Amino acid sequence: VAMGGTLYPEIRDLPGRMNHRMPPD
């Protein structure tokens, strides 16, 4: 972002992407 880039708010909602989040338990 500091260099002018953008972010997806939630990777797991994108087609073909895995859930990168921390396991809840």
PDBML (XML) file of the C-alpha atoms, coordinates in Angstrom:
<?xml version="1.0" encoding="UTF-8" ?>
<PDBx:datablock datablockName="MODEL"
   xmlns:PDBx="http://pdbml.pdb.org/schema/pdbx-v50.xsd"
   xmlns:xsi="http://www.w3.org/2001/XMLSchema-instance"
   xsi:schemaLocation="http://pdbml.pdb.org/schema/pdbx-v50.xsd pdbx-v50.xsd">
   <PDBx:atom_siteCategory>
      <PDBx:atom_site id="1">
         <PDBx:B_iso_or_equiv>0.00</PDBx:B_iso_or_equiv>
         <PDBx:Cartn_x>0.000</PDBx:Cartn_x>
         <PDBx:Cartn_y>0.000</PDBx:Cartn_y>
         <PDBx:Cartn_z>0.000</PDBx:Cartn_z>
         <PDBx:auth_asym_id>A</PDBx:auth_asym_id>
         <PDBx:auth_atom_id>CA</PDBx:auth_atom_id>
         <PDBx:auth_comp_id>VAL</PDBx:auth_comp_id>
         <PDBx:auth_seq_id>1</PDBx:auth_seq_id>
         <PDBx:group_PDB>ATOM</PDBx:group_PDB>
         <PDBx:label_alt_id xsi:nil="true" />
         <PDBx:label_asym_id>A</PDBx:label_asym_id>
         <PDBx:label_atom_id>CA</PDBx:label_atom_id>
         <PDBx:label_comp_id>VAL</PDBx:label_comp_id>
         <PDBx:label_entity_id>1</PDBx:label_entity_id>
         <PDBx:label_seq_id>1</PDBx:label_seq_id>
         <PDBx:occupancy>1.00</PDBx:occupancy>
         <PDBx:pdbx_PDB_model_num>1</PDBx:pdbx_PDB_model_num>
         <PDBx:type_symbol>C</PDBx:type_symbol>
      </PDBx:atom_site>
      <PDBx:atom_site id="2">
         <PDBx:B_iso_or_equiv>0.00</PDBx:B_iso_or_equiv>
         <PDBx:Cartn_x>2.834</PDBx:Cartn_x>
         <PDBx:Cartn_y>2.413</PDBx:Cartn_y>
         <PDBx:Cartn_z>0.813</PDBx:Cartn_z>
         <PDBx:auth_asym_id>A</PDBx:auth_asym_id>
         <PDBx:auth_atom_id>CA</PDBx:auth_atom_id>
         <PDBx:auth_comp_id>ALA</PDBx:auth_comp_id>
         <PDBx:auth_seq_id>2</PDBx:auth_seq_id>
         <PDBx:group_PDB>ATOM</PDBx:group_PDB>
         <PDBx:label_alt_id xsi:nil="true" />
         <PDBx:label_asym_id>A</PDBx:label_asym_id>
         <PDBx:label_atom_id>CA</PDBx:label_atom_id>
         <PDBx:label_comp_id>ALA</PDBx:label_comp_id>
         <PDBx:label_entity_id>1</PDBx:label_entity_id>
         <PDBx:label_seq_id>2</PDBx:label_seq_id>
         <PDBx:occupancy>1.00</PDBx:occupancy>
         <PDBx:pdbx_PDB_model_num>1</PDBx:pdbx_PDB_model_num>
         <PDBx:type_symbol>C</PDBx:type_symbol>
      </PDBx:atom_site>
      <PDBx:atom_site id="3">
         <PDBx:B_iso_or_equiv>0.00</PDBx:B_iso_or_equiv>
         <PDBx:Cartn_x>4.128</PDBx:Cartn_x>
         <PDBx:Cartn_y>1.913</PDBx:Cartn_y>
         <PDBx:Cartn_z>-2.728</PDBx:Cartn_z>
         <PDBx:auth_asym_id>A</PDBx:auth_asym_id>
         <PDBx:auth_atom_id>CA</PDBx:auth_atom_id>
         <PDBx:auth_comp_id>MET</PDBx:auth_comp_id>
         <PDBx:auth_seq_id>3</PDBx:auth_seq_id>
         <PDBx:group_PDB>ATOM</PDBx:group_PDB>
         <PDBx:label_alt_id xsi:nil="true" />
         <PDBx:label_asym_id>A</PDBx:label_asym_id>
         <PDBx:label_atom_id>CA</PDBx:label_atom_id>
         <PDBx:label_comp_id>MET</PDBx:label_comp_id>
         <PDBx:label_entity_id>1</PDBx:label_entity_id>
         <PDBx:label_seq_id>3</PDBx:label_seq_id>
         <PDBx:occupancy>1.00</PDBx:occupancy>
         <PDBx:pdbx_PDB_model_num>1</PDBx:pdbx_PDB_model_num>
         <PDBx:type_symbol>C</PDBx:type_symbol>
      </PDBx:atom_site>
      <PDBx:atom_site id="4">
         <PDBx:B_iso_or_equiv>0.00</PDBx:B_iso_or_equiv>
         <PDBx:Cartn_x>0.716</PDBx:Cartn_x>
         <PDBx:Cartn_y>2.581</PDBx:Cartn_y>
         <PDBx:Cartn_z>-4.280</PDBx:Cartn_z>
         <PDBx:auth_asym_id>A</PDBx:auth_asym_id>
         <PDBx:auth_atom_id>CA</PDBx:auth_atom_id>
         <PDBx:auth_comp_id>GLY</PDBx:auth_comp_id>
         <PDBx:auth_seq_id>4</PDBx:auth_seq_id>
         <PDBx:group_PDB>ATOM</PDBx:group_PDB>
         <PDBx:label_alt_id xsi:nil="true" />
         <PDBx:label_asym_id>A</PDBx:label_asym_id>
         <PDBx:label_atom_id>CA</PDBx:label_atom_id>
         <PDBx:label_comp_id>GLY</PDBx:label_comp_id>
         <PDBx:label_entity_id>1</PDBx:label_entity_id>
         <PDBx:label_seq_id>4</PDBx:label_seq_id>
         <PDBx:occupancy>1.00</PDBx:occupancy>
         <PDBx:pdbx_PDB_model_num>1</PDBx:pdbx_PDB_model_num>
         <PDBx:type_symbol>C</PDBx:type_symbol>
      </PDBx:atom_site>
      <PDBx:atom_site id="5">
         <PDBx:B_iso_or_equiv>0.00</PDBx:B_iso_or_equiv>
         <PDBx:Cartn_x>-0.763</PDBx:Cartn_x>
         <PDBx:Cartn_y>-0.938</PDBx:Cartn_y>
         <PDBx:Cartn_z>-4.350</PDBx:Cartn_z>
         <PDBx:auth_asym_id>A</PDBx:auth_asym_id>
         <PDBx:auth_atom_id>CA</PDBx:auth_atom_id>
         <PDBx:auth_comp_id>GLY</PDBx:auth_comp_id>
         <PDBx:auth_seq_id>5</PDBx:auth_seq_id>
         <PDBx:group_PDB>ATOM</PDBx:group_PDB>
         <PDBx:label_alt_id xsi:nil="true" />
         <PDBx:label_asym_id>A</PDBx:label_asym_id>
         <PDBx:label_atom_id>CA</PDBx:label_atom_id>
         <PDBx:label_comp_id>GLY</PDBx:label_comp_id>
         <PDBx:label_entity_id>1</PDBx:label_entity_id>
         <PDBx:label_seq_id>5</PDBx:label_seq_id>
         <PDBx:occupancy>1.00</PDBx:occupancy>
         <PDBx:pdbx_PDB_model_num>1</PDBx:pdbx_PDB_model_num>
         <PDBx:type_symbol>C</PDBx:type_symbol>
      </PDBx:atom_site>
      <PDBx:atom_site id="6">
         <PDBx:B_iso_or_equiv>0.00</PDBx:B_iso_or_equiv>
         <PDBx:Cartn_x>-4.203</PDBx:Cartn_x>
         <PDBx:Cartn_y>-2.216</PDBx:Cartn_y>
         <PDBx:Cartn_z>-3.391</PDBx:Cartn_z>
         <PDBx:auth_asym_id>A</PDBx:auth_asym_id>
         <PDBx:auth_atom_id>CA</PDBx:auth_atom_id>
         <PDBx:auth_comp_id>THR</PDBx:auth_comp_id>
         <PDBx:auth_seq_id>6</PDBx:auth_seq_id>
         <PDBx:group_PDB>ATOM</PDBx:group_PDB>
         <PDBx:label_alt_id xsi:nil="true" />
         <PDBx:label_asym_id>A</PDBx:label_asym_id>
         <PDBx:label_atom_id>CA</PDBx:label_atom_id>
         <PDBx:label_comp_id>THR</PDBx:label_comp_id>
         <PDBx:label_entity_id>1</PDBx:label_entity_id>
         <PDBx:label_seq_id>6</PDBx:label_seq_id>
         <PDBx:occupancy>1.00</PDBx:occupancy>
         <PDBx:pdbx_PDB_model_num>1</PDBx:pdbx_PDB_model_num>
         <PDBx:type_symbol>C</PDBx:type_symbol>
      </PDBx:atom_site>
      <PDBx:atom_site id="7">
         <PDBx:B_iso_or_equiv>0.00</PDBx:B_iso_or_equiv>
         <PDBx:Cartn_x>-5.559</PDBx:Cartn_x>
         <PDBx:Cartn_y>-5.124</PDBx:Cartn_y>
         <PDBx:Cartn_z>-1.331</PDBx:Cartn_z>
         <PDBx:auth_asym_id>A</PDBx:auth_asym_id>
         <PDBx:auth_atom_id>CA</PDBx:auth_atom_id>
         <PDBx:auth_comp_id>LEU</PDBx:auth_comp_id>
         <PDBx:auth_seq_id>7</PDBx:auth_seq_id>
         <PDBx:group_PDB>ATOM</PDBx:group_PDB>
         <PDBx:label_alt_id xsi:nil="true" />
         <PDBx:label_asym_id>A</PDBx:label_asym_id>
         <PDBx:label_atom_id>CA</PDBx:label_atom_id>
         <PDBx:label_comp_id>LEU</PDBx:label_comp_id>
         <PDBx:label_entity_id>1</PDBx:label_entity_id>
         <PDBx:label_seq_id>7</PDBx:label_seq_id>
         <PDBx:occupancy>1.00</PDBx:occupancy>
         <PDBx:pdbx_PDB_model_num>1</PDBx:pdbx_PDB_model_num>
         <PDBx:type_symbol>C</PDBx:type_symbol>
      </PDBx:atom_site>
      <PDBx:atom_site id="8">
         <PDBx:B_iso_or_equiv>0.00</PDBx:B_iso_or_equiv>
         <PDBx:Cartn_x>-8.352</PDBx:Cartn_x>
         <PDBx:Cartn_y>-7.675</PDBx:Cartn_y>
         <PDBx:Cartn_z>-1.477</PDBx:Cartn_z>
         <PDBx:auth_asym_id>A</PDBx:auth_asym_id>
         <PDBx:auth_atom_id>CA</PDBx:auth_atom_id>
         <PDBx:auth_comp_id>TYR</PDBx:auth_comp_id>
         <PDBx:auth_seq_id>8</PDBx:auth_seq_id>
         <PDBx:group_PDB>ATOM</PDBx:group_PDB>
         <PDBx:label_alt_id xsi:nil="true" />
         <PDBx:label_asym_id>A</PDBx:label_asym_id>
         <PDBx:label_atom_id>CA</PDBx:label_atom_id>
         <PDBx:label_comp_id>TYR</PDBx:label_comp_id>
         <PDBx:label_entity_id>1</PDBx:label_entity_id>
         <PDBx:label_seq_id>8</PDBx:label_seq_id>
         <PDBx:occupancy>1.00</PDBx:occupancy>
         <PDBx:pdbx_PDB_model_num>1</PDBx:pdbx_PDB_model_num>
         <PDBx:type_symbol>C</PDBx:type_symbol>
      </PDBx:atom_site>
      <PDBx:atom_site id="9">
         <PDBx:B_iso_or_equiv>0.00</PDBx:B_iso_or_equiv>
         <PDBx:Cartn_x>-10.385</PDBx:Cartn_x>
         <PDBx:Cartn_y>-7.559</PDBx:Cartn_y>
         <PDBx:Cartn_z>1.758</PDBx:Cartn_z>
         <PDBx:auth_asym_id>A</PDBx:auth_asym_id>
         <PDBx:auth_atom_id>CA</PDBx:auth_atom_id>
         <PDBx:auth_comp_id>PRO</PDBx:auth_comp_id>
         <PDBx:auth_seq_id>9</PDBx:auth_seq_id>
         <PDBx:group_PDB>ATOM</PDBx:group_PDB>
         <PDBx:label_alt_id xsi:nil="true" />
         <PDBx:label_asym_id>A</PDBx:label_asym_id>
         <PDBx:label_atom_id>CA</PDBx:label_atom_id>
         <PDBx:label_comp_id>PRO</PDBx:label_comp_id>
         <PDBx:label_entity_id>1</PDBx:label_entity_id>
         <PDBx:label_seq_id>9</PDBx:label_seq_id>
         <PDBx:occupancy>1.00</PDBx:occupancy>
         <PDBx:pdbx_PDB_model_num>1</PDBx:pdbx_PDB_model_num>
         <PDBx:type_symbol>C</PDBx:type_symbol>
      </PDBx:atom_site>
      <PDBx:atom_site id="10">
         <PDBx:B_iso_or_equiv>0.00</PDBx:B_iso_or_equiv>
         <PDBx:Cartn_x>-10.925</PDBx:Cartn_x>
         <PDBx:Cartn_y>-11.331</PDBx:Cartn_y>
         <PDBx:Cartn_z>1.887</PDBx:Cartn_z>
         <PDBx:auth_asym_id>A</PDBx:auth_asym_id>
         <PDBx:auth_atom_id>CA</PDBx:auth_atom_id>
         <PDBx:auth_comp_id>GLU</PDBx:auth_comp_id>
         <PDBx:auth_seq_id>10</PDBx:auth_seq_id>
         <PDBx:group_PDB>ATOM</PDBx:group_PDB>
         <PDBx:label_alt_id xsi:nil="true" />
         <PDBx:label_asym_id>A</PDBx:label_asym_id>
         <PDBx:label_atom_id>CA</PDBx:label_atom_id>
         <PDBx:label_comp_id>GLU</PDBx:label_comp_id>
         <PDBx:label_entity_id>1</PDBx:label_entity_id>
         <PDBx:label_seq_id>10</PDBx:label_seq_id>
         <PDBx:occupancy>1.00</PDBx:occupancy>
         <PDBx:pdbx_PDB_model_num>1</PDBx:pdbx_PDB_model_num>
         <PDBx:type_symbol>C</PDBx:type_symbol>
      </PDBx:atom_site>
      <PDBx:atom_site id="11">
         <PDBx:B_iso_or_equiv>0.00</PDBx:B_iso_or_equiv>
         <PDBx:Cartn_x>-8.812</PDBx:Cartn_x>
         <PDBx:Cartn_y>-13.779</PDBx:Cartn_y>
         <PDBx:Cartn_z>-0.122</PDBx:Cartn_z>
         <PDBx:auth_asym_id>A</PDBx:auth_asym_id>
         <PDBx:auth_atom_id>CA</PDBx:auth_atom_id>
         <PDBx:auth_comp_id>ILE</PDBx:auth_comp_id>
         <PDBx:auth_seq_id>11</PDBx:auth_seq_id>
         <PDBx:group_PDB>ATOM</PDBx:group_PDB>
         <PDBx:label_alt_id xsi:nil="true" />
         <PDBx:label_asym_id>A</PDBx:label_asym_id>
         <PDBx:label_atom_id>CA</PDBx:label_atom_id>
         <PDBx:label_comp_id>ILE</PDBx:label_comp_id>
         <PDBx:label_entity_id>1</PDBx:label_entity_id>
         <PDBx:label_seq_id>11</PDBx:label_seq_id>
         <PDBx:occupancy>1.00</PDBx:occupancy>
         <PDBx:pdbx_PDB_model_num>1</PDBx:pdbx_PDB_model_num>
         <PDBx:type_symbol>C</PDBx:type_symbol>
      </PDBx:atom_site>
      <PDBx:atom_site id="12">
         <PDBx:B_iso_or_equiv>0.00</PDBx:B_iso_or_equiv>
         <PDBx:Cartn_x>-10.993</PDBx:Cartn_x>
         <PDBx:Cartn_y>-16.804</PDBx:Cartn_y>
         <PDBx:Cartn_z>0.605</PDBx:Cartn_z>
         <PDBx:auth_asym_id>A</PDBx:auth_asym_id>
         <PDBx:auth_atom_id>CA</PDBx:auth_atom_id>
         <PDBx:auth_comp_id>ARG</PDBx:auth_comp_id>
         <PDBx:auth_seq_id>12</PDBx:auth_seq_id>
         <PDBx:group_PDB>ATOM</PDBx:group_PDB>
         <PDBx:label_alt_id xsi:nil="true" />
         <PDBx:label_asym_id>A</PDBx:label_asym_id>
         <PDBx:label_atom_id>CA</PDBx:label_atom_id>
         <PDBx:label_comp_id>ARG</PDBx:label_comp_id>
         <PDBx:label_entity_id>1</PDBx:label_entity_id>
         <PDBx:label_seq_id>12</PDBx:label_seq_id>
         <PDBx:occupancy>1.00</PDBx:occupancy>
         <PDBx:pdbx_PDB_model_num>1</PDBx:pdbx_PDB_model_num>
         <PDBx:type_symbol>C</PDBx:type_symbol>
      </PDBx:atom_site>
      <PDBx:atom_site id="13">
         <PDBx:B_iso_or_equiv>0.00</PDBx:B_iso_or_equiv>
         <PDBx:Cartn_x>-13.951</PDBx:Cartn_x>
         <PDBx:Cartn_y>-15.182</PDBx:Cartn_y>
         <PDBx:Cartn_z>-1.198</PDBx:Cartn_z>
         <PDBx:auth_asym_id>A</PDBx:auth_asym_id>
         <PDBx:auth_atom_id>CA</PDBx:auth_atom_id>
         <PDBx:auth_comp_id>ASP</PDBx:auth_comp_id>
         <PDBx:auth_seq_id>13</PDBx:auth_seq_id>
         <PDBx:group_PDB>ATOM</PDBx:group_PDB>
         <PDBx:label_alt_id xsi:nil="true" />
         <PDBx:label_asym_id>A</PDBx:label_asym_id>
         <PDBx:label_atom_id>CA</PDBx:label_atom_id>
         <PDBx:label_comp_id>ASP</PDBx:label_comp_id>
         <PDBx:label_entity_id>1</PDBx:label_entity_id>
         <PDBx:label_seq_id>13</PDBx:label_seq_id>
         <PDBx:occupancy>1.00</PDBx:occupancy>
         <PDBx:pdbx_PDB_model_num>1</PDBx:pdbx_PDB_model_num>
         <PDBx:type_symbol>C</PDBx:type_symbol>
      </PDBx:atom_site>
      <PDBx:atom_site id="14">
         <PDBx:B_iso_or_equiv>0.00</PDBx:B_iso_or_equiv>
         <PDBx:Cartn_x>-12.087</PDBx:Cartn_x>
         <PDBx:Cartn_y>-15.104</PDBx:Cartn_y>
         <PDBx:Cartn_z>-4.519</PDBx:Cartn_z>
         <PDBx:auth_asym_id>A</PDBx:auth_asym_id>
         <PDBx:auth_atom_id>CA</PDBx:auth_atom_id>
         <PDBx:auth_comp_id>LEU</PDBx:auth_comp_id>
         <PDBx:auth_seq_id>14</PDBx:auth_seq_id>
         <PDBx:group_PDB>ATOM</PDBx:group_PDB>
         <PDBx:label_alt_id xsi:nil="true" />
         <PDBx:label_asym_id>A</PDBx:label_asym_id>
         <PDBx:label_atom_id>CA</PDBx:label_atom_id>
         <PDBx:label_comp_id>LEU</PDBx:label_comp_id>
         <PDBx:label_entity_id>1</PDBx:label_entity_id>
         <PDBx:label_seq_id>14</PDBx:label_seq_id>
         <PDBx:occupancy>1.00</PDBx:occupancy>
         <PDBx:pdbx_PDB_model_num>1</PDBx:pdbx_PDB_model_num>
         <PDBx:type_symbol>C</PDBx:type_symbol>
      </PDBx:atom_site>
      <PDBx:atom_site id="15">
         <PDBx:B_iso_or_equiv>0.00</PDBx:B_iso_or_equiv>
         <PDBx:Cartn_x>-12.693</PDBx:Cartn_x>
         <PDBx:Cartn_y>-17.903</PDBx:Cartn_y>
         <PDBx:Cartn_z>-7.052</PDBx:Cartn_z>
         <PDBx:auth_asym_id>A</PDBx:auth_asym_id>
         <PDBx:auth_atom_id>CA</PDBx:auth_atom_id>
         <PDBx:auth_comp_id>PRO</PDBx:auth_comp_id>
         <PDBx:auth_seq_id>15</PDBx:auth_seq_id>
         <PDBx:group_PDB>ATOM</PDBx:group_PDB>
         <PDBx:label_alt_id xsi:nil="true" />
         <PDBx:label_asym_id>A</PDBx:label_asym_id>
         <PDBx:label_atom_id>CA</PDBx:label_atom_id>
         <PDBx:label_comp_id>PRO</PDBx:label_comp_id>
         <PDBx:label_entity_id>1</PDBx:label_entity_id>
         <PDBx:label_seq_id>15</PDBx:label_seq_id>
         <PDBx:occupancy>1.00</PDBx:occupancy>
         <PDBx:pdbx_PDB_model_num>1</PDBx:pdbx_PDB_model_num>
         <PDBx:type_symbol>C</PDBx:type_symbol>
      </PDBx:atom_site>
      <PDBx:atom_site id="16">
         <PDBx:B_iso_or_equiv>0.00</PDBx:B_iso_or_equiv>
         <PDBx:Cartn_x>-10.007</PDBx:Cartn_x>
         <PDBx:Cartn_y>-20.566</PDBx:Cartn_y>
         <PDBx:Cartn_z>-6.892</PDBx:Cartn_z>
         <PDBx:auth_asym_id>A</PDBx:auth_asym_id>
         <PDBx:auth_atom_id>CA</PDBx:auth_atom_id>
         <PDBx:auth_comp_id>GLY</PDBx:auth_comp_id>
         <PDBx:auth_seq_id>16</PDBx:auth_seq_id>
         <PDBx:group_PDB>ATOM</PDBx:group_PDB>
         <PDBx:label_alt_id xsi:nil="true" />
         <PDBx:label_asym_id>A</PDBx:label_asym_id>
         <PDBx:label_atom_id>CA</PDBx:label_atom_id>
         <PDBx:label_comp_id>GLY</PDBx:label_comp_id>
         <PDBx:label_entity_id>1</PDBx:label_entity_id>
         <PDBx:label_seq_id>16</PDBx:label_seq_id>
         <PDBx:occupancy>1.00</PDBx:occupancy>
         <PDBx:pdbx_PDB_model_num>1</PDBx:pdbx_PDB_model_num>
         <PDBx:type_symbol>C</PDBx:type_symbol>
      </PDBx:atom_site>
      <PDBx:atom_site id="17">
         <PDBx:B_iso_or_equiv>0.00</PDBx:B_iso_or_equiv>
         <PDBx:Cartn_x>-8.376</PDBx:Cartn_x>
         <PDBx:Cartn_y>-19.244</PDBx:Cartn_y>
         <PDBx:Cartn_z>-3.724</PDBx:Cartn_z>
         <PDBx:auth_asym_id>A</PDBx:auth_asym_id>
         <PDBx:auth_atom_id>CA</PDBx:auth_atom_id>
         <PDBx:auth_comp_id>ARG</PDBx:auth_comp_id>
         <PDBx:auth_seq_id>17</PDBx:auth_seq_id>
         <PDBx:group_PDB>ATOM</PDBx:group_PDB>
         <PDBx:label_alt_id xsi:nil="true" />
         <PDBx:label_asym_id>A</PDBx:label_asym_id>
         <PDBx:label_atom_id>CA</PDBx:label_atom_id>
         <PDBx:label_comp_id>ARG</PDBx:label_comp_id>
         <PDBx:label_entity_id>1</PDBx:label_entity_id>
         <PDBx:label_seq_id>17</PDBx:label_seq_id>
         <PDBx:occupancy>1.00</PDBx:occupancy>
         <PDBx:pdbx_PDB_model_num>1</PDBx:pdbx_PDB_model_num>
         <PDBx:type_symbol>C</PDBx:type_symbol>
      </PDBx:atom_site>
      <PDBx:atom_site id="18">
         <PDBx:B_iso_or_equiv>0.00</PDBx:B_iso_or_equiv>
         <PDBx:Cartn_x>-7.870</PDBx:Cartn_x>
         <PDBx:Cartn_y>-21.234</PDBx:Cartn_y>
         <PDBx:Cartn_z>-0.540</PDBx:Cartn_z>
         <PDBx:auth_asym_id>A</PDBx:auth_asym_id>
         <PDBx:auth_atom_id>CA</PDBx:auth_atom_id>
         <PDBx:auth_comp_id>MET</PDBx:auth_comp_id>
         <PDBx:auth_seq_id>18</PDBx:auth_seq_id>
         <PDBx:group_PDB>ATOM</PDBx:group_PDB>
         <PDBx:label_alt_id xsi:nil="true" />
         <PDBx:label_asym_id>A</PDBx:label_asym_id>
         <PDBx:label_atom_id>CA</PDBx:label_atom_id>
         <PDBx:label_comp_id>MET</PDBx:label_comp_id>
         <PDBx:label_entity_id>1</PDBx:label_entity_id>
         <PDBx:label_seq_id>18</PDBx:label_seq_id>
         <PDBx:occupancy>1.00</PDBx:occupancy>
         <PDBx:pdbx_PDB_model_num>1</PDBx:pdbx_PDB_model_num>
         <PDBx:type_symbol>C</PDBx:type_symbol>
      </PDBx:atom_site>
      <PDBx:atom_site id="19">
         <PDBx:B_iso_or_equiv>0.00</PDBx:B_iso_or_equiv>
         <PDBx:Cartn_x>-8.682</PDBx:Cartn_x>
         <PDBx:Cartn_y>-20.072</PDBx:Cartn_y>
         <PDBx:Cartn_z>2.970</PDBx:Cartn_z>
         <PDBx:auth_asym_id>A</PDBx:auth_asym_id>
         <PDBx:auth_atom_id>CA</PDBx:auth_atom_id>
         <PDBx:auth_comp_id>ASN</PDBx:auth_comp_id>
         <PDBx:auth_seq_id>19</PDBx:auth_seq_id>
         <PDBx:group_PDB>ATOM</PDBx:group_PDB>
         <PDBx:label_alt_id xsi:nil="true" />
         <PDBx:label_asym_id>A</PDBx:label_asym_id>
         <PDBx:label_atom_id>CA</PDBx:label_atom_id>
         <PDBx:label_comp_id>ASN</PDBx:label_comp_id>
         <PDBx:label_entity_id>1</PDBx:label_entity_id>
         <PDBx:label_seq_id>19</PDBx:label_seq_id>
         <PDBx:occupancy>1.00</PDBx:occupancy>
         <PDBx:pdbx_PDB_model_num>1</PDBx:pdbx_PDB_model_num>
         <PDBx:type_symbol>C</PDBx:type_symbol>
      </PDBx:atom_site>
      <PDBx:atom_site id="20">
         <PDBx:B_iso_or_equiv>0.00</PDBx:B_iso_or_equiv>
         <PDBx:Cartn_x>-5.465</PDBx:Cartn_x>
         <PDBx:Cartn_y>-18.446</PDBx:Cartn_y>
         <PDBx:Cartn_z>4.181</PDBx:Cartn_z>
         <PDBx:auth_asym_id>A</PDBx:auth_asym_id>
         <PDBx:auth_atom_id>CA</PDBx:auth_atom_id>
         <PDBx:auth_comp_id>HIS</PDBx:auth_comp_id>
         <PDBx:auth_seq_id>20</PDBx:auth_seq_id>
         <PDBx:group_PDB>ATOM</PDBx:group_PDB>
         <PDBx:label_alt_id xsi:nil="true" />
         <PDBx:label_asym_id>A</PDBx:label_asym_id>
         <PDBx:label_atom_id>CA</PDBx:label_atom_id>
         <PDBx:label_comp_id>HIS</PDBx:label_comp_id>
         <PDBx:label_entity_id>1</PDBx:label_entity_id>
         <PDBx:label_seq_id>20</PDBx:label_seq_id>
         <PDBx:occupancy>1.00</PDBx:occupancy>
         <PDBx:pdbx_PDB_model_num>1</PDBx:pdbx_PDB_model_num>
         <PDBx:type_symbol>C</PDBx:type_symbol>
      </PDBx:atom_site>
      <PDBx:atom_site id="21">
         <PDBx:B_iso_or_equiv>0.00</PDBx:B_iso_or_equiv>
         <PDBx:Cartn_x>-6.855</PDBx:Cartn_x>
         <PDBx:Cartn_y>-17.513</PDBx:Cartn_y>
         <PDBx:Cartn_z>7.582</PDBx:Cartn_z>
         <PDBx:auth_asym_id>A</PDBx:auth_asym_id>
         <PDBx:auth_atom_id>CA</PDBx:auth_atom_id>
         <PDBx:auth_comp_id>ARG</PDBx:auth_comp_id>
         <PDBx:auth_seq_id>21</PDBx:auth_seq_id>
         <PDBx:group_PDB>ATOM</PDBx:group_PDB>
         <PDBx:label_alt_id xsi:nil="true" />
         <PDBx:label_asym_id>A</PDBx:label_asym_id>
         <PDBx:label_atom_id>CA</PDBx:label_atom_id>
         <PDBx:label_comp_id>ARG</PDBx:label_comp_id>
         <PDBx:label_entity_id>1</PDBx:label_entity_id>
         <PDBx:label_seq_id>21</PDBx:label_seq_id>
         <PDBx:occupancy>1.00</PDBx:occupancy>
         <PDBx:pdbx_PDB_model_num>1</PDBx:pdbx_PDB_model_num>
         <PDBx:type_symbol>C</PDBx:type_symbol>
      </PDBx:atom_site>
      <PDBx:atom_site id="22">
         <PDBx:B_iso_or_equiv>0.00</PDBx:B_iso_or_equiv>
         <PDBx:Cartn_x>-5.585</PDBx:Cartn_x>
         <PDBx:Cartn_y>-18.838</PDBx:Cartn_y>
         <PDBx:Cartn_z>10.911</PDBx:Cartn_z>
         <PDBx:auth_asym_id>A</PDBx:auth_asym_id>
         <PDBx:auth_atom_id>CA</PDBx:auth_atom_id>
         <PDBx:auth_comp_id>MET</PDBx:auth_comp_id>
         <PDBx:auth_seq_id>22</PDBx:auth_seq_id>
         <PDBx:group_PDB>ATOM</PDBx:group_PDB>
         <PDBx:label_alt_id xsi:nil="true" />
         <PDBx:label_asym_id>A</PDBx:label_asym_id>
         <PDBx:label_atom_id>CA</PDBx:label_atom_id>
         <PDBx:label_comp_id>MET</PDBx:label_comp_id>
         <PDBx:label_entity_id>1</PDBx:label_entity_id>
         <PDBx:label_seq_id>22</PDBx:label_seq_id>
         <PDBx:occupancy>1.00</PDBx:occupancy>
         <PDBx:pdbx_PDB_model_num>1</PDBx:pdbx_PDB_model_num>
         <PDBx:type_symbol>C</PDBx:type_symbol>
      </PDBx:atom_site>
      <PDBx:atom_site id="23">
         <PDBx:B_iso_or_equiv>0.00</PDBx:B_iso_or_equiv>
         <PDBx:Cartn_x>-7.393</PDBx:Cartn_x>
         <PDBx:Cartn_y>-21.988</PDBx:Cartn_y>
         <PDBx:Cartn_z>12.068</PDBx:Cartn_z>
         <PDBx:auth_asym_id>A</PDBx:auth_asym_id>
         <PDBx:auth_atom_id>CA</PDBx:auth_atom_id>
         <PDBx:auth_comp_id>PRO</PDBx:auth_comp_id>
         <PDBx:auth_seq_id>23</PDBx:auth_seq_id>
         <PDBx:group_PDB>ATOM</PDBx:group_PDB>
         <PDBx:label_alt_id xsi:nil="true" />
         <PDBx:label_asym_id>A</PDBx:label_asym_id>
         <PDBx:label_atom_id>CA</PDBx:label_atom_id>
         <PDBx:label_comp_id>PRO</PDBx:label_comp_id>
         <PDBx:label_entity_id>1</PDBx:label_entity_id>
         <PDBx:label_seq_id>23</PDBx:label_seq_id>
         <PDBx:occupancy>1.00</PDBx:occupancy>
         <PDBx:pdbx_PDB_model_num>1</PDBx:pdbx_PDB_model_num>
         <PDBx:type_symbol>C</PDBx:type_symbol>
      </PDBx:atom_site>
      <PDBx:atom_site id="24">
         <PDBx:B_iso_or_equiv>0.00</PDBx:B_iso_or_equiv>
         <PDBx:Cartn_x>-9.951</PDBx:Cartn_x>
         <PDBx:Cartn_y>-20.869</PDBx:Cartn_y>
         <PDBx:Cartn_z>14.682</PDBx:Cartn_z>
         <PDBx:auth_asym_id>A</PDBx:auth_asym_id>
         <PDBx:auth_atom_id>CA</PDBx:auth_atom_id>
         <PDBx:auth_comp_id>PRO</PDBx:auth_comp_id>
         <PDBx:auth_seq_id>24</PDBx:auth_seq_id>
         <PDBx:group_PDB>ATOM</PDBx:group_PDB>
         <PDBx:label_alt_id xsi:nil="true" />
         <PDBx:label_asym_id>A</PDBx:label_asym_id>
         <PDBx:label_atom_id>CA</PDBx:label_atom_id>
         <PDBx:label_comp_id>PRO</PDBx:label_comp_id>
         <PDBx:label_entity_id>1</PDBx:label_entity_id>
         <PDBx:label_seq_id>24</PDBx:label_seq_id>
         <PDBx:occupancy>1.00</PDBx:occupancy>
         <PDBx:pdbx_PDB_model_num>1</PDBx:pdbx_PDB_model_num>
         <PDBx:type_symbol>C</PDBx:type_symbol>
      </PDBx:atom_site>
      <PDBx:atom_site id="25">
         <PDBx:B_iso_or_equiv>0.00</PDBx:B_iso_or_equiv>
         <PDBx:Cartn_x>-9.146</PDBx:Cartn_x>
         <PDBx:Cartn_y>-23.680</PDBx:Cartn_y>
         <PDBx:Cartn_z>17.114</PDBx:Cartn_z>
         <PDBx:auth_asym_id>A</PDBx:auth_asym_id>
         <PDBx:auth_atom_id>CA</PDBx:auth_atom_id>
         <PDBx:auth_comp_id>ASP</PDBx:auth_comp_id>
         <PDBx:auth_seq_id>25</PDBx:auth_seq_id>
         <PDBx:group_PDB>ATOM</PDBx:group_PDB>
         <PDBx:label_alt_id xsi:nil="true" />
         <PDBx:label_asym_id>A</PDBx:label_asym_id>
         <PDBx:label_atom_id>CA</PDBx:label_atom_id>
         <PDBx:label_comp_id>ASP</PDBx:label_comp_id>
         <PDBx:label_entity_id>1</PDBx:label_entity_id>
         <PDBx:label_seq_id>25</PDBx:label_seq_id>
         <PDBx:occupancy>1.00</PDBx:occupancy>
         <PDBx:pdbx_PDB_model_num>1</PDBx:pdbx_PDB_model_num>
         <PDBx:type_symbol>C</PDBx:type_symbol>
      </PDBx:atom_site>
   </PDBx:atom_siteCategory>
</PDBx:datablock>
